[in-house]
PDB file of N, CA and C in Angstrom:
ATOM      1  N   MET A   1       0.870  -1.155   0.031  1.00  0.00           N
ATOM      2  CA  MET A   1      -0.192  -0.112  -0.084  1.00  0.00           C
ATOM      3  C   MET A   1       0.760   1.132  -0.049  1.00  0.00           C
ATOM      4  N   ASN A   2       0.428   2.491  -0.264  1.00  0.00           N
ATOM      5  CA  ASN A   2       0.957   4.004  -0.063  1.00  0.00           C
ATOM      6  C   ASN A   2       0.520   4.422   1.006  1.00  0.00           C
ATOM      7  N   TYR A   3       1.136   5.622   0.799  1.00  0.00           N
ATOM      8  CA  TYR A   3       0.373   6.198   2.453  1.00  0.00           C
ATOM      9  C   TYR A   3       0.932   7.706   2.317  1.00  0.00           C
ATOM     10  N   LEU A   4       0.139   8.817   2.594  1.00  0.00           N
ATOM     11  CA  LEU A   4       0.938   9.885   2.888  1.00  0.00           C
ATOM     12  C   LEU A   4       0.104  10.153   4.226  1.00  0.00           C
ATOM     13  N   ILE A   5       1.058  10.945   4.849  1.00  0.00           N
ATOM     14  CA  ILE A   5       0.812  11.661   6.297  1.00  0.00           C
ATOM     15  C   ILE A   5       0.745  13.094   5.659  1.00  0.00           C
ATOM     16  N   VAL A   6      -0.548  13.753   5.978  1.00  0.00           N
ATOM     17  CA  VAL A   6      -0.619  15.087   6.024  1.00  0.00           C
ATOM     18  C   VAL A   6      -1.095  15.678   7.318  1.00  0.00           C
ATOM     19  N   GLU A   7      -0.547  17.250   7.027  1.00  0.00           N
ATOM     20  CA  GLU A   7      -1.536  17.397   8.614  1.00  0.00           C
ATOM     21  C   GLU A   7      -2.668  17.965   8.386  1.00  0.00           C
ATOM     22  N   ASP A   8      -3.444  17.787   9.367  1.00  0.00           N
ATOM     23  CA  ASP A   8      -5.043  18.594   9.406  1.00  0.00           C
ATOM     24  C   ASP A   8      -5.400  19.513   9.665  1.00  0.00           C
ATOM     25  N   PHE A   9      -6.460  19.993   9.622  1.00  0.00           N
ATOM     26  CA  PHE A   9      -7.077  21.442   9.743  1.00  0.00           C
ATOM     27  C   PHE A   9      -6.433  21.888  11.331  1.00  0.00           C
ATOM     28  N   SER A  10      -6.595  20.801  11.935  1.00  0.00           N
ATOM     29  CA  SER A  10      -6.105  21.204  13.697  1.00  0.00           C
ATOM     30  C   SER A  10      -4.360  21.313  13.917  1.00  0.00           C
ATOM     31  N   GLY A  11      -3.906  20.947  12.398  1.00  0.00           N
ATOM     32  CA  GLY A  11      -2.153  20.951  13.082  1.00  0.00           C
ATOM     33  C   GLY A  11      -1.690  19.172  13.242  1.00  0.00           C
ATOM     34  N   ARG A  12      -2.541  18.110  13.440  1.00  0.00           N
ATOM     35  CA  ARG A  12      -2.317  17.110  13.612  1.00  0.00           C
ATOM     36  C   ARG A  12      -1.916  16.129  12.344  1.00  0.00           C
ATOM     37  N   ALA A  13      -0.900  15.545  12.810  1.00  0.00           N
ATOM     38  CA  ALA A  13      -0.728  14.394  11.645  1.00  0.00           C
ATOM     39  C   ALA A  13      -1.872  13.298  11.236  1.00  0.00           C
ATOM     40  N   ALA A  14      -1.939  13.476  10.074  1.00  0.00           N
ATOM     41  CA  ALA A  14      -3.295  12.281   9.667  1.00  0.00           C
ATOM     42  C   ALA A  14      -2.952  11.320   8.356  1.00  0.00           C
ATOM     43  N   PRO A  15      -3.101   9.962   8.533  1.00  0.00           N
ATOM     44  CA  PRO A  15      -2.838   9.329   7.627  1.00  0.00           C
ATOM     45  C   PRO A  15      -3.675   8.313   6.421  1.00  0.00           C
ATOM     46  N   PHE A  16      -3.302   8.877   5.528  1.00  0.00           N
ATOM     47  CA  PHE A  16      -3.756   8.180   4.109  1.00  0.00           C
ATOM     48  C   PHE A  16      -3.507   7.237   3.555  1.00  0.00           C
ATOM     49  N   ILE A  17      -4.059   5.858   3.572  1.00  0.00           N
ATOM     50  CA  ILE A  17      -3.325   4.965   2.861  1.00  0.00           C
ATOM     51  C   ILE A  17      -4.387   4.279   1.888  1.00  0.00           C
ATOM     52  N   PHE A  18      -3.465   4.257   0.738  1.00  0.00           N
ATOM     53  CA  PHE A  18      -4.135   4.024  -0.508  1.00  0.00           C
ATOM     54  C   PHE A  18      -3.168   2.968  -1.025  1.00  0.00           C
ATOM     55  N   PRO A  19      -3.979   2.045  -2.673  1.00  0.00           N
ATOM     56  CA  PRO A  19      -3.616   1.230  -2.850  1.00  0.00           C
ATOM     57  C   PRO A  19      -2.237   1.792  -3.957  1.00  0.00           C
ATOM     58  N   ARG A  20      -1.310   0.869  -3.877  1.00  0.00           N
ATOM     59  CA  ARG A  20      -0.237   1.206  -5.071  1.00  0.00           C
ATOM     60  C   ARG A  20      -0.707   1.641  -6.429  1.00  0.00           C
ATOM     61  N   ARG A  21      -1.036   1.535  -6.661  1.00  0.00           N
ATOM     62  CA  ARG A  21      -1.744   1.781  -8.259  1.00  0.00           C
ATOM     63  C   ARG A  21      -2.084   2.929  -8.354  1.00  0.00           C
ATOM     64  N   VAL A  22      -2.616   3.738  -7.355  1.00  0.00           N
ATOM     65  CA  VAL A  22      -3.176   4.949  -7.385  1.00  0.00           C
ATOM     66  C   VAL A  22      -1.283   5.849  -7.054  1.00  0.00           C
ATOM     67  N   ASP A  23      -1.131   6.862  -7.690  1.00  0.00           N
ATOM     68  CA  ASP A  23       0.057   7.430  -7.262  1.00  0.00           C
ATOM     69  C   ASP A  23      -0.506   8.656  -6.233  1.00  0.00           C
ATOM     70  N   HIS A  24       0.986   8.889  -5.621  1.00  0.00           N
ATOM     71  CA  HIS A  24       1.151   9.663  -4.442  1.00  0.00           C
ATOM     72  C   HIS A  24       0.365  11.476  -4.639  1.00  0.00           C
ATOM     73  N   GLY A  25       0.612  11.588  -6.167  1.00  0.00           N
ATOM     74  CA  GLY A  25       0.152  12.901  -6.465  1.00  0.00           C
ATOM     75  C   GLY A  25      -1.141  13.136  -6.954  1.00  0.00           C
ATOM     76  N   ASP A  26      -1.836  11.879  -7.637  1.00  0.00           N
ATOM     77  CA  ASP A  26      -2.872  12.025  -7.521  1.00  0.00           C
ATOM     78  C   ASP A  26      -3.709  11.855  -6.481  1.00  0.00           C
ATOM     79  N   MET A  27      -3.696  11.243  -5.424  1.00  0.00           N
ATOM     80  CA  MET A  27      -4.013  10.965  -3.903  1.00  0.00           C
ATOM     81  C   MET A  27      -3.819  12.347  -3.405  1.00  0.00           C
ATOM     82  N   ARG A  28      -2.653  13.046  -3.205  1.00  0.00           N
ATOM     83  CA  ARG A  28      -2.635  14.914  -2.894  1.00  0.00           C
ATOM     84  C   ARG A  28      -3.371  15.109  -3.289  1.00  0.00           C
ATOM     85  N   GLU A  29      -3.856  15.149  -4.524  1.00  0.00           N
ATOM     86  CA  GLU A  29      -4.810  16.172  -5.642  1.00  0.00           C
ATOM     87  C   GLU A  29      -6.535  15.942  -4.921  1.00  0.00           C
ATOM     88  N   GLN A  30      -6.821  14.669  -4.361  1.00  0.00           N
ATOM     89  CA  GLN A  30      -8.089  14.455  -3.824  1.00  0.00           C
ATOM     90  C   GLN A  30      -7.966  15.213  -2.290  1.00  0.00           C
ATOM     91  N   LEU A  31      -7.002  15.613  -1.472  1.00  0.00           N
ATOM     92  CA  LEU A  31      -6.932  15.353  -0.466  1.00  0.00           C
ATOM     93  C   LEU A  31      -7.463  16.682   0.035  1.00  0.00           C
ATOM     94  N   PRO A  32      -8.394  17.442   1.154  1.00  0.00           N
ATOM     95  CA  PRO A  32      -8.663  18.947   1.615  1.00  0.00           C
ATOM     96  C   PRO A  32      -7.493  19.823   2.210  1.00  0.00           C
ATOM     97  N   TYR A  33      -6.830  18.730   3.164  1.00  0.00           N
ATOM     98  CA  TYR A  33      -5.579  19.025   3.874  1.00  0.00           C
ATOM     99  C   TYR A  33      -4.885  19.827   3.411  1.00  0.00           C
ATOM    100  N   GLY A  34      -3.793  20.610   4.324  1.00  0.00           N
ATOM    101  CA  GLY A  34      -2.690  21.580   3.570  1.00  0.00           C
ATOM    102  C   GLY A  34      -1.394  20.981   3.375  1.00  0.00           C
ATOM    103  N   GLN A  35      -0.081  20.717   4.442  1.00  0.00           N
ATOM    104  CA  GLN A  35       0.973  20.810   4.281  1.00  0.00           C
ATOM    105  C   GLN A  35       0.937  18.699   4.278  1.00  0.00           C
ATOM    106  N   VAL A  36       1.742  18.122   3.336  1.00  0.00           N
ATOM    107  CA  VAL A  36       2.317  16.587   3.024  1.00  0.00           C
ATOM    108  C   VAL A  36       3.344  16.917   3.942  1.00  0.00           C
ATOM    109  N   LEU A  37       3.298  16.121   5.032  1.00  0.00           N
ATOM    110  CA  LEU A  37       4.459  15.839   6.184  1.00  0.00           C
ATOM    111  C   LEU A  37       5.499  14.512   5.327  1.00  0.00           C
ATOM    112  N   SER A  38       4.926  13.320   5.089  1.00  0.00           N
ATOM    113  CA  SER A  38       5.646  12.631   4.460  1.00  0.00           C
ATOM    114  C   SER A  38       5.154  11.819   3.576  1.00  0.00           C
ATOM    115  N   GLY A  39       5.793  10.440   2.910  1.00  0.00           N
ATOM    116  CA  GLY A  39       4.924   9.652   2.108  1.00  0.00           C
ATOM    117  C   GLY A  39       6.014   8.427   1.628  1.00  0.00           C
ATOM    118  N   GLY A  40       5.439   7.430   1.279  1.00  0.00           N
ATOM    119  CA  GLY A  40       5.739   6.256   0.931  1.00  0.00           C
ATOM    120  C   GLY A  40       5.144   5.242   0.410  1.00  0.00           C
ATOM    121  N   VAL A  41       5.582   3.944   1.227  1.00  0.00           N
ATOM    122  CA  VAL A  41       4.780   2.407   1.051  1.00  0.00           C
ATOM    123  C   VAL A  41       4.834   2.509   2.360  1.00  0.00           C
ATOM    124  N   LEU A  42       4.054   1.491   2.230  1.00  0.00           N
ATOM    125  CA  LEU A  42       3.521   1.066   3.719  1.00  0.00           C
ATOM    126  C   LEU A  42       3.719  -0.636   3.570  1.00  0.00           C
ATOM    127  N   GLU A  43       3.904  -1.174   4.213  1.00  0.00           N
ATOM    128  CA  GLU A  43       3.826  -3.218   4.381  1.00  0.00           C
ATOM    129  C   GLU A  43       3.276  -3.104   6.051  1.00  0.00           C
ATOM    130  N   LEU A  44       2.731  -4.336   5.986  1.00  0.00           N
ATOM    131  CA  LEU A  44       2.116  -4.573   7.404  1.00  0.00           C
ATOM    132  C   LEU A  44       3.536  -6.259   7.788  1.00  0.00           C
ATOM    133  N   GLY A  45       4.012  -6.263   8.672  1.00  0.00           N
ATOM    134  CA  GLY A  45       5.054  -7.311   8.556  1.00  0.00           C
ATOM    135  C   GLY A  45       4.958  -8.465   9.829  1.00  0.00           C
ATOM    136  N   PRO A  46       5.301  -9.432  10.226  1.00  0.00           N
ATOM    137  CA  PRO A  46       5.561  -9.598  11.935  1.00  0.00           C
ATOM    138  C   PRO A  46       5.861  -8.907  13.023  1.00  0.00           C
ATOM    139  N   GLU A  47       6.392  -7.429  12.786  1.00  0.00           N
ATOM    140  CA  GLU A  47       7.499  -6.984  13.482  1.00  0.00           C
ATOM    141  C   GLU A  47       6.070  -5.455  13.585  1.00  0.00           C
ATOM    142  N   GLY A  48       5.443  -5.377  12.801  1.00  0.00           N
ATOM    143  CA  GLY A  48       4.287  -4.121  12.823  1.00  0.00           C
ATOM    144  C   GLY A  48       4.472  -3.813  11.392  1.00  0.00           C
ATOM    145  N   PHE A  49       3.884  -2.086  11.340  1.00  0.00           N
ATOM    146  CA  PHE A  49       4.037  -1.565  10.119  1.00  0.00           C
ATOM    147  C   PHE A  49       5.700  -1.487   9.566  1.00  0.00           C
ATOM    148  N   ARG A  50       5.643  -1.162   8.360  1.00  0.00           N
ATOM    149  CA  ARG A  50       7.174  -0.710   7.728  1.00  0.00           C
ATOM    150  C   ARG A  50       6.953   0.390   7.004  1.00  0.00           C
ATOM    151  N   CYS A  51       7.388   1.095   7.062  1.00  0.00           N
ATOM    152  CA  CYS A  51       7.297   2.441   6.469  1.00  0.00           C
ATOM    153  C   CYS A  51       8.806   2.994   5.613  1.00  0.00           C
ATOM    154  N   SER A  52       8.839   3.050   4.072  1.00  0.00           N
ATOM    155  CA  SER A  52       9.721   3.288   3.629  1.00  0.00           C
ATOM    156  C   SER A  52       9.464   3.807   1.957  1.00  0.00           C
ATOM    157  N   GLY A  53      10.484   4.238   0.988  1.00  0.00           N
ATOM    158  CA  GLY A  53      10.552   4.883   0.171  1.00  0.00           C
ATOM    159  C   GLY A  53      10.046   6.691   0.181  1.00  0.00           C
ATOM    160  N   GLY A  54       9.559   7.035  -0.775  1.00  0.00           N
ATOM    161  CA  GLY A  54       8.866   8.602  -0.752  1.00  0.00           C
ATOM    162  C   GLY A  54       8.708   8.969  -2.026  1.00  0.00           C
ATOM    163  N   ASN A  55       8.452  10.006  -2.373  1.00  0.00           N
ATOM    164  CA  ASN A  55       7.959  10.153  -3.997  1.00  0.00           C
ATOM    165  C   ASN A  55       8.639  11.634  -4.247  1.00  0.00           C
ATOM    166  N   SER A  56       9.226  11.245  -5.105  1.00  0.00           N
ATOM    167  CA  SER A  56      10.084  12.840  -5.970  1.00  0.00           C
ATOM    168  C   SER A  56       9.074  13.704  -6.155  1.00  0.00           C
ATOM    169  N   GLU A  57       8.051  13.880  -6.932  1.00  0.00           N
ATOM    170  CA  GLU A  57       6.734  14.647  -7.307  1.00  0.00           C
ATOM    171  C   GLU A  57       6.651  15.808  -5.935  1.00  0.00           C
ATOM    172  N   LEU A  58       5.976  14.883  -4.909  1.00  0.00           N
ATOM    173  CA  LEU A  58       5.986  15.816  -3.885  1.00  0.00           C
ATOM    174  C   LEU A  58       7.031  16.330  -2.980  1.00  0.00           C
ATOM    175  N   GLY A  59       8.644  15.593  -3.429  1.00  0.00           N
ATOM    176  CA  GLY A  59       9.495  16.094  -2.549  1.00  0.00           C
ATOM    177  C   GLY A  59       9.490  15.837  -1.211  1.00  0.00           C
ATOM    178  N   VAL A  60       8.880  14.205  -1.149  1.00  0.00           N
ATOM    179  CA  VAL A  60       8.840  13.891   0.757  1.00  0.00           C
ATOM    180  C   VAL A  60       9.329  12.796   0.875  1.00  0.00           C
ATOM    181  N   LYS A  61       9.609  12.029   2.046  1.00  0.00           N
ATOM    182  CA  LYS A  61      10.333  10.945   2.373  1.00  0.00           C
ATOM    183  C   LYS A  61       9.558  10.451   3.281  1.00  0.00           C
ATOM    184  N   ALA A  62       9.946   8.880   3.131  1.00  0.00           N
ATOM    185  CA  ALA A  62       9.068   8.445   4.719  1.00  0.00           C
ATOM    186  C   ALA A  62      10.079   8.583   5.487  1.00  0.00           C
ATOM    187  N   ARG A  63       9.240   8.596   7.017  1.00  0.00           N
ATOM    188  CA  ARG A  63       9.931   8.618   8.175  1.00  0.00           C
ATOM    189  C   ARG A  63       9.373   7.357   8.933  1.00  0.00           C
ATOM    190  N   PRO A  64      10.446   6.577   8.787  1.00  0.00           N
ATOM    191  CA  PRO A  64      10.143   5.284   9.243  1.00  0.00           C
ATOM    192  C   PRO A  64       9.512   5.066  10.485  1.00  0.00           C
ATOM    193  N   GLU A  65       9.880   5.109  11.854  1.00  0.00           N
ATOM    194  CA  GLU A  65       9.309   5.296  12.982  1.00  0.00           C
ATOM    195  C   GLU A  65       8.169   6.194  12.988  1.00  0.00           C
ATOM    196  N   GLU A  66       8.549   7.162  12.973  1.00  0.00           N
ATOM    197  CA  GLU A  66       7.571   8.150  13.258  1.00  0.00           C
ATOM    198  C   GLU A  66       6.130   7.969  12.547  1.00  0.00           C
ATOM    199  N   ASP A  67       6.203   7.406  11.019  1.00  0.00           N
ATOM    200  CA  ASP A  67       5.282   7.441  10.317  1.00  0.00           C
ATOM    201  C   ASP A  67       4.120   6.208  10.552  1.00  0.00           C
ATOM    202  N   ALA A  68       5.168   4.766  10.830  1.00  0.00           N
ATOM    203  CA  ALA A  68       4.444   3.926  11.609  1.00  0.00           C
ATOM    204  C   ALA A  68       4.134   3.752  12.950  1.00  0.00           C
ATOM    205  N   ALA A  69       3.887   4.790  13.895  1.00  0.00           N
ATOM    206  CA  ALA A  69       3.784   5.184  15.052  1.00  0.00           C
ATOM    207  C   ALA A  69       2.458   5.717  14.634  1.00  0.00           C
ATOM    208  N   ILE A  70       2.460   6.673  14.014  1.00  0.00           N
ATOM    209  CA  ILE A  70       1.248   7.726  13.403  1.00  0.00           C
ATOM    210  C   ILE A  70      -0.025   6.318  12.448  1.00  0.00           C
ATOM    211  N   ILE A  71       0.561   5.671  11.704  1.00  0.00           N
ATOM    212  CA  ILE A  71      -0.363   4.750  11.496  1.00  0.00           C
ATOM    213  C   ILE A  71      -0.872   4.221  12.563  1.00  0.00           C
ATOM    214  N   ALA A  72      -0.127   3.464  13.109  1.00  0.00           N
ATOM    215  CA  ALA A  72      -0.613   2.260  14.025  1.00  0.00           C
ATOM    216  C   ALA A  72      -1.450   2.541  15.136  1.00  0.00           C
ATOM    217  N   GLU A  73      -1.441   3.853  15.583  1.00  0.00           N
ATOM    218  CA  GLU A  73      -2.234   4.582  16.645  1.00  0.00           C
ATOM    219  C   GLU A  73      -3.727   5.632  15.813  1.00  0.00           C
ATOM    220  N   ALA A  74      -3.303   5.378  14.302  1.00  0.00           N
ATOM    221  CA  ALA A  74      -4.586   5.710  13.749  1.00  0.00           C
ATOM    222  C   ALA A  74      -5.645   4.430  13.709  1.00  0.00           C
ATOM    223  N   LEU A  75      -4.911   3.458  13.663  1.00  0.00           N
ATOM    224  CA  LEU A  75      -5.746   1.734  13.562  1.00  0.00           C
ATOM    225  C   LEU A  75      -6.179   1.449  14.568  1.00  0.00           C
ATOM    226  N   ARG A  76      -5.491   1.687  15.743  1.00  0.00           N
ATOM    227  CA  ARG A  76      -5.685   0.992  17.015  1.00  0.00           C
ATOM    228  C   ARG A  76      -6.899   1.304  17.501  1.00  0.00           C
ATOM    229  N   HIS A  77      -7.622   0.050  18.320  1.00  0.00           N
ATOM    230  CA  HIS A  77      -9.004  -0.173  18.231  1.00  0.00           C
ATOM    231  C   HIS A  77      -8.890   0.376  19.482  1.00  0.00           C
ATOM    232  N   ARG A  78     -10.123   1.572  19.871  1.00  0.00           N
ATOM    233  CA  ARG A  78     -10.478   2.477  20.885  1.00  0.00           C
ATOM    234  C   ARG A  78     -11.867   1.659  21.540  1.00  0.00           C
TER     235      ARG A  78
END
């Protein structure tokens, strides 16, 4: 899966996860939020989420540990 972490209207990091066939730039155009903080490829392995890569068009890179923590927190059962 691909992902973007963007800053929402309250200034918090919000993750968006989408299929690899969707380009990061195309997804960015659909999001109403402000700044893109990071992005890349997301995989789920035995040790949890793994974030890597980036997108040169948007000028962002994955922040492996920070992005994985943001995504895990967003998907945590409440």
